[in-house]
Amino acid sequence: MLYAILCYNDEAITSAWTKEEDDAVMARLQIVHEKTRGKGQLGPAIRLLPTTSATTLRKAQNLVIDGPYAETKEQLLGFYIVDVQSLDEALQIARDLGKANPGGAYELRPISIYQPGKELQLT
């Protein structure tokens, strides 16, 4: 079963981290990534740019506006796709990620359709 693990945190806090603090969090997360990848469970992992770079399309009005759609205390900072046998396994991965990355929350959502598309090359 595929799950999306959506990472939410207060962007004001995470964007205030020094490069050293961010590097330390990323190093701790890399340990979880390697463990999960080693089990063949880790799919794409995405870190999003800040919400200040977001653009929203309001479908009903065909209106394009700058910024994120929702004004909330915590913002979607990124997500993981994991391939596991159960919600319990996905929760354990989220717990491991949470130990490495303080604050915020992880939302777990089962994926009903997954279309991998083409492999992307980072630029």
C-alpha atoms as a PDB file:
ATOM      1  CA  MET A   1       0.000   0.000   0.000  1.00  0.00           C
ATOM      2  CA  LEU A   2       1.293   3.451  -0.874  1.00  0.00           C
ATOM      3  CA  TYR A   3       1.031   6.254   1.669  1.00  0.00           C
ATOM      4  CA  ALA A   4       1.873   9.926   1.404  1.00  0.00           C
ATOM      5  CA  ILE A   5       3.471  11.277   4.558  1.00  0.00           C
ATOM      6  CA  LEU A   6       2.881  15.026   4.464  1.00  0.00           C
ATOM      7  CA  CYS A   7       5.275  17.124   6.556  1.00  0.00           C
ATOM      8  CA  TYR A   8       3.830  20.220   8.220  1.00  0.00           C
ATOM      9  CA  ASN A   9       5.710  22.705  10.360  1.00  0.00           C
ATOM     10  CA  ASP A  10       5.736  26.393  11.196  1.00  0.00           C
ATOM     11  CA  GLU A  11       7.620  27.876   8.285  1.00  0.00           C
ATOM     12  CA  ALA A  12       8.611  30.924  10.344  1.00  0.00           C
ATOM     13  CA  ILE A  13      10.557  28.582  12.623  1.00  0.00           C
ATOM     14  CA  THR A  14      12.132  26.330   9.998  1.00  0.00           C
ATOM     15  CA  SER A  15      13.123  29.211   7.708  1.00  0.00           C
ATOM     16  CA  ALA A  16      14.861  30.885  10.677  1.00  0.00           C
ATOM     17  CA  TRP A  17      17.184  27.915  11.175  1.00  0.00           C
ATOM     18  CA  THR A  18      20.827  28.620  10.480  1.00  0.00           C
ATOM     19  CA  LYS A  19      22.514  26.612   7.740  1.00  0.00           C
ATOM     20  CA  GLU A  20      24.147  24.523  10.466  1.00  0.00           C
ATOM     21  CA  GLU A  21      20.792  23.802  12.158  1.00  0.00           C
ATOM     22  CA  ASP A  22      19.184  22.895   8.822  1.00  0.00           C
ATOM     23  CA  ASP A  23      22.148  20.688   7.881  1.00  0.00           C
ATOM     24  CA  ALA A  24      21.863  18.885  11.249  1.00  0.00           C
ATOM     25  CA  VAL A  25      18.152  18.175  10.701  1.00  0.00           C
ATOM     26  CA  MET A  26      18.838  16.981   7.151  1.00  0.00           C
ATOM     27  CA  ALA A  27      21.632  14.691   8.399  1.00  0.00           C
ATOM     28  CA  ARG A  28      19.276  13.122  10.958  1.00  0.00           C
ATOM     29  CA  LEU A  29      16.593  12.727   8.292  1.00  0.00           C
ATOM     30  CA  GLN A  30      19.116  11.108   5.941  1.00  0.00           C
ATOM     31  CA  ILE A  31      19.590   8.307   8.487  1.00  0.00           C
ATOM     32  CA  VAL A  32      15.831   7.604   8.364  1.00  0.00           C
ATOM     33  CA  HIS A  33      15.849   7.890   4.553  1.00  0.00           C
ATOM     34  CA  GLU A  34      18.659   5.325   4.247  1.00  0.00           C
ATOM     35  CA  LYS A  35      16.950   2.930   6.679  1.00  0.00           C
ATOM     36  CA  THR A  36      13.620   3.204   4.832  1.00  0.00           C
ATOM     37  CA  ARG A  37      15.261   3.013   1.387  1.00  0.00           C
ATOM     38  CA  GLY A  38      17.174  -0.065   2.533  1.00  0.00           C
ATOM     39  CA  LYS A  39      13.863  -1.787   3.260  1.00  0.00           C
ATOM     40  CA  GLY A  40      12.623  -0.879  -0.227  1.00  0.00           C
ATOM     41  CA  GLN A  41       9.895   1.334   1.239  1.00  0.00           C
ATOM     42  CA  LEU A  42      10.988   4.860   0.274  1.00  0.00           C
ATOM     43  CA  GLY A  43       9.651   6.416  -2.889  1.00  0.00           C
ATOM     44  CA  PRO A  44       9.967  10.067  -3.866  1.00  0.00           C
ATOM     45  CA  ALA A  45      10.771  12.492  -1.047  1.00  0.00           C
ATOM     46  CA  ILE A  46      10.090  16.141  -1.790  1.00  0.00           C
ATOM     47  CA  ARG A  47      11.153  19.292   0.069  1.00  0.00           C
ATOM     48  CA  LEU A  48       9.158  22.292  -1.084  1.00  0.00           C
ATOM     49  CA  LEU A  49      10.380  25.867  -1.394  1.00  0.00           C
ATOM     50  CA  PRO A  50       8.806  28.370   1.036  1.00  0.00           C
ATOM     51  CA  THR A  51       5.148  29.307   0.658  1.00  0.00           C
ATOM     52  CA  THR A  52       6.264  32.751  -0.524  1.00  0.00           C
ATOM     53  CA  SER A  53       7.148  31.019  -3.801  1.00  0.00           C
ATOM     54  CA  ALA A  54       3.693  29.413  -4.108  1.00  0.00           C
ATOM     55  CA  THR A  55       1.059  30.243  -6.712  1.00  0.00           C
ATOM     56  CA  THR A  56      -2.583  29.268  -6.232  1.00  0.00           C
ATOM     57  CA  LEU A  57      -5.154  28.675  -8.965  1.00  0.00           C
ATOM     58  CA  ARG A  58      -8.697  29.111  -7.672  1.00  0.00           C
ATOM     59  CA  LYS A  59     -10.466  26.709  -9.986  1.00  0.00           C
ATOM     60  CA  ALA A  60     -14.001  28.114  -9.864  1.00  0.00           C
ATOM     61  CA  GLN A  61     -12.915  31.628 -10.858  1.00  0.00           C
ATOM     62  CA  ASN A  62      -9.882  30.610 -12.949  1.00  0.00           C
ATOM     63  CA  LEU A  63      -8.033  33.119 -10.763  1.00  0.00           C
ATOM     64  CA  VAL A  64      -4.270  32.864 -10.242  1.00  0.00           C
ATOM     65  CA  ILE A  65      -2.872  34.464  -7.085  1.00  0.00           C
ATOM     66  CA  ASP A  66       0.522  34.589  -5.402  1.00  0.00           C
ATOM     67  CA  GLY A  67       1.076  32.662  -2.228  1.00  0.00           C
ATOM     68  CA  PRO A  68      -0.340  29.619  -0.532  1.00  0.00           C
ATOM     69  CA  TYR A  69      -4.021  28.790  -0.528  1.00  0.00           C
ATOM     70  CA  ALA A  70      -4.553  28.392   3.204  1.00  0.00           C
ATOM     71  CA  GLU A  71      -3.408  30.701   5.947  1.00  0.00           C
ATOM     72  CA  THR A  72      -2.549  28.299   8.733  1.00  0.00           C
ATOM     73  CA  LYS A  73      -0.172  28.062  11.646  1.00  0.00           C
ATOM     74  CA  GLU A  74       1.724  25.203   9.992  1.00  0.00           C
ATOM     75  CA  GLN A  75       2.570  24.924   6.315  1.00  0.00           C
ATOM     76  CA  LEU A  76       3.140  21.937   4.048  1.00  0.00           C
ATOM     77  CA  LEU A  77       6.926  21.778   3.740  1.00  0.00           C
ATOM     78  CA  GLY A  78       7.301  18.531   1.834  1.00  0.00           C
ATOM     79  CA  PHE A  79       6.211  14.937   1.555  1.00  0.00           C
ATOM     80  CA  TYR A  80       7.319  11.344   1.252  1.00  0.00           C
ATOM     81  CA  ILE A  81       5.801   8.454  -0.658  1.00  0.00           C
ATOM     82  CA  VAL A  82       6.273   5.129   1.118  1.00  0.00           C
ATOM     83  CA  ASP A  83       5.347   1.606   0.082  1.00  0.00           C
ATOM     84  CA  VAL A  84       4.368  -0.405   3.162  1.00  0.00           C
ATOM     85  CA  GLN A  85       2.137  -3.308   4.163  1.00  0.00           C
ATOM     86  CA  SER A  86       0.076  -1.384   6.701  1.00  0.00           C
ATOM     87  CA  LEU A  87      -0.743   1.945   8.284  1.00  0.00           C
ATOM     88  CA  ASP A  88       1.270   0.814  11.324  1.00  0.00           C
ATOM     89  CA  GLU A  89       4.412   0.592   9.177  1.00  0.00           C
ATOM     90  CA  ALA A  90       3.750   4.045   7.705  1.00  0.00           C
ATOM     91  CA  LEU A  91       3.215   5.426  11.214  1.00  0.00           C
ATOM     92  CA  GLN A  92       6.549   3.979  12.336  1.00  0.00           C
ATOM     93  CA  ILE A  93       8.327   5.718   9.467  1.00  0.00           C
ATOM     94  CA  ALA A  94       6.564   8.979  10.393  1.00  0.00           C
ATOM     95  CA  ARG A  95       7.624   8.503  14.027  1.00  0.00           C
ATOM     96  CA  ASP A  96      11.239   7.972  12.932  1.00  0.00           C
ATOM     97  CA  LEU A  97      11.066  11.100  10.768  1.00  0.00           C
ATOM     98  CA  GLY A  98       9.554  13.010  13.694  1.00  0.00           C
ATOM     99  CA  LYS A  99      12.455  12.085  15.964  1.00  0.00           C
ATOM    100  CA  ALA A 100      14.857  13.482  13.356  1.00  0.00           C
ATOM    101  CA  ASN A 101      12.865  16.632  12.558  1.00  0.00           C
ATOM    102  CA  PRO A 102      11.430  18.435  15.606  1.00  0.00           C
ATOM    103  CA  GLY A 103       8.105  20.255  15.728  1.00  0.00           C
ATOM    104  CA  GLY A 104       5.134  20.222  13.412  1.00  0.00           C
ATOM    105  CA  ALA A 105       3.099  17.226  12.375  1.00  0.00           C
ATOM    106  CA  TYR A 106       2.950  14.447   9.820  1.00  0.00           C
ATOM    107  CA  GLU A 107      -0.319  13.666   8.060  1.00  0.00           C
ATOM    108  CA  LEU A 108      -0.564  10.181   6.578  1.00  0.00           C
ATOM    109  CA  ARG A 109      -2.858   9.635   3.618  1.00  0.00           C
ATOM    110  CA  PRO A 110      -3.356   6.427   1.628  1.00  0.00           C
ATOM    111  CA  ILE A 111      -2.739   6.965  -2.084  1.00  0.00           C
ATOM    112  CA  SER A 112      -5.550   5.844  -4.362  1.00  0.00           C
ATOM    113  CA  ILE A 113      -3.857   6.582  -7.719  1.00  0.00           C
ATOM    114  CA  TYR A 114      -0.126   6.737  -8.346  1.00  0.00           C
ATOM    115  CA  GLN A 115       1.185   7.620 -11.789  1.00  0.00           C
ATOM    116  CA  PRO A 116       4.965   7.887 -11.659  1.00  0.00           C
ATOM    117  CA  GLY A 117       5.307   9.694 -14.991  1.00  0.00           C
ATOM    118  CA  LYS A 118       8.783  10.265 -16.330  1.00  0.00           C
ATOM    119  CA  GLU A 119      11.893  10.265 -14.225  1.00  0.00           C
ATOM    120  CA  LEU A 120      12.962  13.839 -13.559  1.00  0.00           C
ATOM    121  CA  GLN A 121      16.504  15.139 -13.631  1.00  0.00           C
ATOM    122  CA  LEU A 122      17.264  17.829 -11.064  1.00  0.00           C
ATOM    123  CA  THR A 123      18.657  21.057 -12.458  1.00  0.00           C
END
